[in-house]
Structures are given as C-alpha cells and as structure tokens.
C-alpha cells in the first residue's frame, strides 16, 4: 500500500514563502507521476503542479512563475516551493501519486496553507 505524507504547511504573510514536502512509501517511487493539488473552502480540488516520472512538469496558470515542483527519487520525496504567496493560495494542499499502468491513484492527508496578514 502506497502512503503519502505531506508536511510544511502553515500560516504565512502575503508575499512570503513555504516549502511543502511529500514523503512516499510502500512502492517504487520512480514508477509514479507525482502532483500537488489544492482545495479551498467551497471550491473543487484543482491541480497546482505535476511532474511525470520522466521529469516533465506542468503548472496551473495561477502559480506559474511563483511555485516550483521538484522530486528526489533517491529519497522518495516530492516538493513544492511556493514563493510570492497570495491570499488566494490559501487551501489544503494534497500530494498525489499516479501509477499509469495499471492505473492507481493515491492521495495524502493534506496540509493546510493559510496566507494572511
């Protein structure tokens, strides 16, 4: 069973930075596409950033130029560096792992990010 554990959330002022981490256990990390998603109160969960097992990266338009996704296969870790945070970035952030074939999708428990003065 694959387990994902996020950490690094918290309260930050507008313009500040946070780094989220996701530790993956229970399977071969390098076989998975990884991603960060977020869900704000009253809104649907949305993609923030994804990185394929081959290293291709995509970002939501709202975070381009501010957020950076990265991973360390040797440590089974994926990160989300968030800079120039805005109040609209406030949400619960979830780590996701997808095994493409056969298809499996796993989620972490989420970590709260609050951007407020």
C-alpha atoms as a PDB file:
ATOM      1  CA  UNK A   1       0.000   0.000   0.000  1.00  0.00           C
ATOM      2  CA  UNK A   2       1.391   3.363  -1.031  1.00  0.00           C
ATOM      3  CA  UNK A   3       1.395   6.048   1.642  1.00  0.00           C
ATOM      4  CA  UNK A   4       1.899   9.767   1.107  1.00  0.00           C
ATOM      5  CA  UNK A   5       2.596  12.136   3.982  1.00  0.00           C
ATOM      6  CA  UNK A   6       2.652  15.883   3.412  1.00  0.00           C
ATOM      7  CA  UNK A   7       4.364  18.407   5.637  1.00  0.00           C
ATOM      8  CA  UNK A   8       5.421  22.028   5.592  1.00  0.00           C
ATOM      9  CA  UNK A   9       2.110  23.852   5.615  1.00  0.00           C
ATOM     10  CA  UNK A  10       1.341  26.736   7.907  1.00  0.00           C
ATOM     11  CA  UNK A  11       0.460  30.392   8.216  1.00  0.00           C
ATOM     12  CA  UNK A  12       2.422  32.872   6.131  1.00  0.00           C
ATOM     13  CA  UNK A  13       2.010  36.524   5.247  1.00  0.00           C
ATOM     14  CA  UNK A  14       1.268  37.631   1.689  1.00  0.00           C
ATOM     15  CA  UNK A  15       4.489  37.704  -0.297  1.00  0.00           C
ATOM     16  CA  UNK A  16       6.052  35.031   1.863  1.00  0.00           C
ATOM     17  CA  UNK A  17       7.290  31.553   1.025  1.00  0.00           C
ATOM     18  CA  UNK A  18       6.656  27.986   2.101  1.00  0.00           C
ATOM     19  CA  UNK A  19       8.078  24.666   1.051  1.00  0.00           C
ATOM     20  CA  UNK A  20       5.801  21.644   1.090  1.00  0.00           C
ATOM     21  CA  UNK A  21       7.226  18.145   1.235  1.00  0.00           C
ATOM     22  CA  UNK A  22       5.625  14.807   0.436  1.00  0.00           C
ATOM     23  CA  UNK A  23       7.190  11.568   1.612  1.00  0.00           C
ATOM     24  CA  UNK A  24       6.188   8.483  -0.357  1.00  0.00           C
ATOM     25  CA  UNK A  25       6.482   4.943   0.949  1.00  0.00           C
ATOM     26  CA  UNK A  26       5.280   1.489   0.062  1.00  0.00           C
ATOM     27  CA  UNK A  27       6.249   1.267  -3.581  1.00  0.00           C
ATOM     28  CA  UNK A  28       8.837   2.139  -6.199  1.00  0.00           C
ATOM     29  CA  UNK A  29       8.701   5.926  -6.220  1.00  0.00           C
ATOM     30  CA  UNK A  30      10.249   6.347  -9.661  1.00  0.00           C
ATOM     31  CA  UNK A  31       7.326   4.477 -11.267  1.00  0.00           C
ATOM     32  CA  UNK A  32       4.861   7.200 -10.321  1.00  0.00           C
ATOM     33  CA  UNK A  33       3.763  10.519 -11.741  1.00  0.00           C
ATOM     34  CA  UNK A  34       3.545  12.966  -8.849  1.00  0.00           C
ATOM     35  CA  UNK A  35       1.483  16.053  -8.302  1.00  0.00           C
ATOM     36  CA  UNK A  36       0.301  18.726  -5.919  1.00  0.00           C
ATOM     37  CA  UNK A  37      -3.348  19.694  -5.783  1.00  0.00           C
ATOM     38  CA  UNK A  38      -5.238  22.093  -3.574  1.00  0.00           C
ATOM     39  CA  UNK A  39      -8.753  22.642  -2.349  1.00  0.00           C
ATOM     40  CA  UNK A  40     -10.012  25.907  -0.952  1.00  0.00           C
ATOM     41  CA  UNK A  41     -13.204  26.106   1.140  1.00  0.00           C
ATOM     42  CA  UNK A  42     -16.257  25.813  -1.064  1.00  0.00           C
ATOM     43  CA  UNK A  43     -14.213  25.060  -4.168  1.00  0.00           C
ATOM     44  CA  UNK A  44     -13.283  21.963  -6.125  1.00  0.00           C
ATOM     45  CA  UNK A  45      -9.878  20.402  -5.830  1.00  0.00           C
ATOM     46  CA  UNK A  46      -7.564  21.758  -8.521  1.00  0.00           C
ATOM     47  CA  UNK A  47      -4.207  20.836  -9.962  1.00  0.00           C
ATOM     48  CA  UNK A  48      -1.331  23.026  -8.835  1.00  0.00           C
ATOM     49  CA  UNK A  49       1.706  21.289 -10.319  1.00  0.00           C
ATOM     50  CA  UNK A  50       2.610  17.878 -11.671  1.00  0.00           C
ATOM     51  CA  UNK A  51       5.843  16.104 -12.503  1.00  0.00           C
ATOM     52  CA  UNK A  52       5.894  12.901 -14.510  1.00  0.00           C
ATOM     53  CA  UNK A  53       8.174  10.001 -13.759  1.00  0.00           C
ATOM     54  CA  UNK A  54      10.224  11.208 -16.722  1.00  0.00           C
ATOM     55  CA  UNK A  55      10.524  14.695 -15.265  1.00  0.00           C
ATOM     56  CA  UNK A  56       8.044  16.647 -17.405  1.00  0.00           C
ATOM     57  CA  UNK A  57       6.418  19.444 -15.423  1.00  0.00           C
ATOM     58  CA  UNK A  58       3.166  21.324 -15.672  1.00  0.00           C
ATOM     59  CA  UNK A  59       1.804  24.183 -13.593  1.00  0.00           C
ATOM     60  CA  UNK A  60      -1.566  25.781 -13.172  1.00  0.00           C
ATOM     61  CA  UNK A  61      -1.583  29.225 -14.774  1.00  0.00           C
ATOM     62  CA  UNK A  62      -2.299  30.797 -11.404  1.00  0.00           C
ATOM     63  CA  UNK A  63       1.018  29.611  -9.928  1.00  0.00           C
ATOM     64  CA  UNK A  64       3.379  29.825 -12.897  1.00  0.00           C
ATOM     65  CA  UNK A  65       6.491  31.769 -12.031  1.00  0.00           C
ATOM     66  CA  UNK A  66       5.810  31.519  -8.298  1.00  0.00           C
ATOM     67  CA  UNK A  67       5.735  27.786  -7.499  1.00  0.00           C
ATOM     68  CA  UNK A  68       8.290  25.114  -8.298  1.00  0.00           C
ATOM     69  CA  UNK A  69       7.735  21.359  -8.120  1.00  0.00           C
ATOM     70  CA  UNK A  70      10.684  19.026  -7.755  1.00  0.00           C
ATOM     71  CA  UNK A  71      11.446  15.499  -6.656  1.00  0.00           C
ATOM     72  CA  UNK A  72      14.257  13.372  -5.312  1.00  0.00           C
ATOM     73  CA  UNK A  73      13.870   9.786  -6.461  1.00  0.00           C
ATOM     74  CA  UNK A  74      16.613   8.569  -4.127  1.00  0.00           C
ATOM     75  CA  UNK A  75      14.710   9.921  -1.123  1.00  0.00           C
ATOM     76  CA  UNK A  76      11.167   9.155  -2.332  1.00  0.00           C
ATOM     77  CA  UNK A  77      10.311  12.816  -1.894  1.00  0.00           C
ATOM     78  CA  UNK A  78       8.451  15.437  -3.871  1.00  0.00           C
ATOM     79  CA  UNK A  79       8.465  19.135  -3.022  1.00  0.00           C
ATOM     80  CA  UNK A  80       6.523  22.270  -3.795  1.00  0.00           C
ATOM     81  CA  UNK A  81       8.387  25.528  -3.301  1.00  0.00           C
ATOM     82  CA  UNK A  82       5.871  28.332  -3.057  1.00  0.00           C
ATOM     83  CA  UNK A  83       7.054  31.926  -3.348  1.00  0.00           C
ATOM     84  CA  UNK A  84       5.232  35.255  -3.535  1.00  0.00           C
ATOM     85  CA  UNK A  85       2.243  33.703  -1.836  1.00  0.00           C
ATOM     86  CA  UNK A  86      -1.138  35.363  -2.179  1.00  0.00           C
ATOM     87  CA  UNK A  87      -4.290  35.127  -0.105  1.00  0.00           C
ATOM     88  CA  UNK A  88      -5.909  33.166  -2.913  1.00  0.00           C
ATOM     89  CA  UNK A  89      -3.307  30.426  -2.420  1.00  0.00           C
ATOM     90  CA  UNK A  90      -4.966  29.586   0.883  1.00  0.00           C
ATOM     91  CA  UNK A  91      -6.127  25.975   0.706  1.00  0.00           C
ATOM     92  CA  UNK A  92      -5.455  22.444   1.823  1.00  0.00           C
ATOM     93  CA  UNK A  93      -2.649  21.098  -0.328  1.00  0.00           C
ATOM     94  CA  UNK A  94      -2.614  17.429  -1.263  1.00  0.00           C
ATOM     95  CA  UNK A  95       0.115  15.247  -2.667  1.00  0.00           C
ATOM     96  CA  UNK A  96      -0.899  12.753  -5.359  1.00  0.00           C
ATOM     97  CA  UNK A  97       0.826   9.737  -6.840  1.00  0.00           C
ATOM     98  CA  UNK A  98      -0.351   8.069 -10.038  1.00  0.00           C
ATOM     99  CA  UNK A  99       0.831   4.738 -11.328  1.00  0.00           C
ATOM    100  CA  UNK A 100      -0.113   4.869 -15.017  1.00  0.00           C
ATOM    101  CA  UNK A 101      -0.441   1.186 -15.899  1.00  0.00           C
ATOM    102  CA  UNK A 102      -2.151  -0.457 -14.218  1.00  0.00           C
ATOM    103  CA  UNK A 103      -3.802   2.736 -13.077  1.00  0.00           C
ATOM    104  CA  UNK A 104      -3.661   3.547  -9.385  1.00  0.00           C
ATOM    105  CA  UNK A 105      -4.052   6.929  -7.707  1.00  0.00           C
ATOM    106  CA  UNK A 106      -3.066   7.716  -4.138  1.00  0.00           C
ATOM    107  CA  UNK A 107      -3.590  10.822  -2.015  1.00  0.00           C
ATOM    108  CA  UNK A 108      -2.013  12.172   1.105  1.00  0.00           C
ATOM    109  CA  UNK A 109      -3.996  13.543   4.030  1.00  0.00           C
ATOM    110  CA  UNK A 110      -3.341  17.150   3.074  1.00  0.00           C
ATOM    111  CA  UNK A 111      -1.584  20.070   4.706  1.00  0.00           C
ATOM    112  CA  UNK A 112      -3.158  23.460   5.378  1.00  0.00           C
ATOM    113  CA  UNK A 113      -1.620  26.571   3.847  1.00  0.00           C
ATOM    114  CA  UNK A 114      -3.009  29.885   5.025  1.00  0.00           C
ATOM    115  CA  UNK A 115      -1.825  33.156   3.531  1.00  0.00           C
ATOM    116  CA  UNK A 116      -2.947  36.060   5.654  1.00  0.00           C
ATOM    117  CA  UNK A 117      -1.659  39.206   7.271  1.00  0.00           C
END
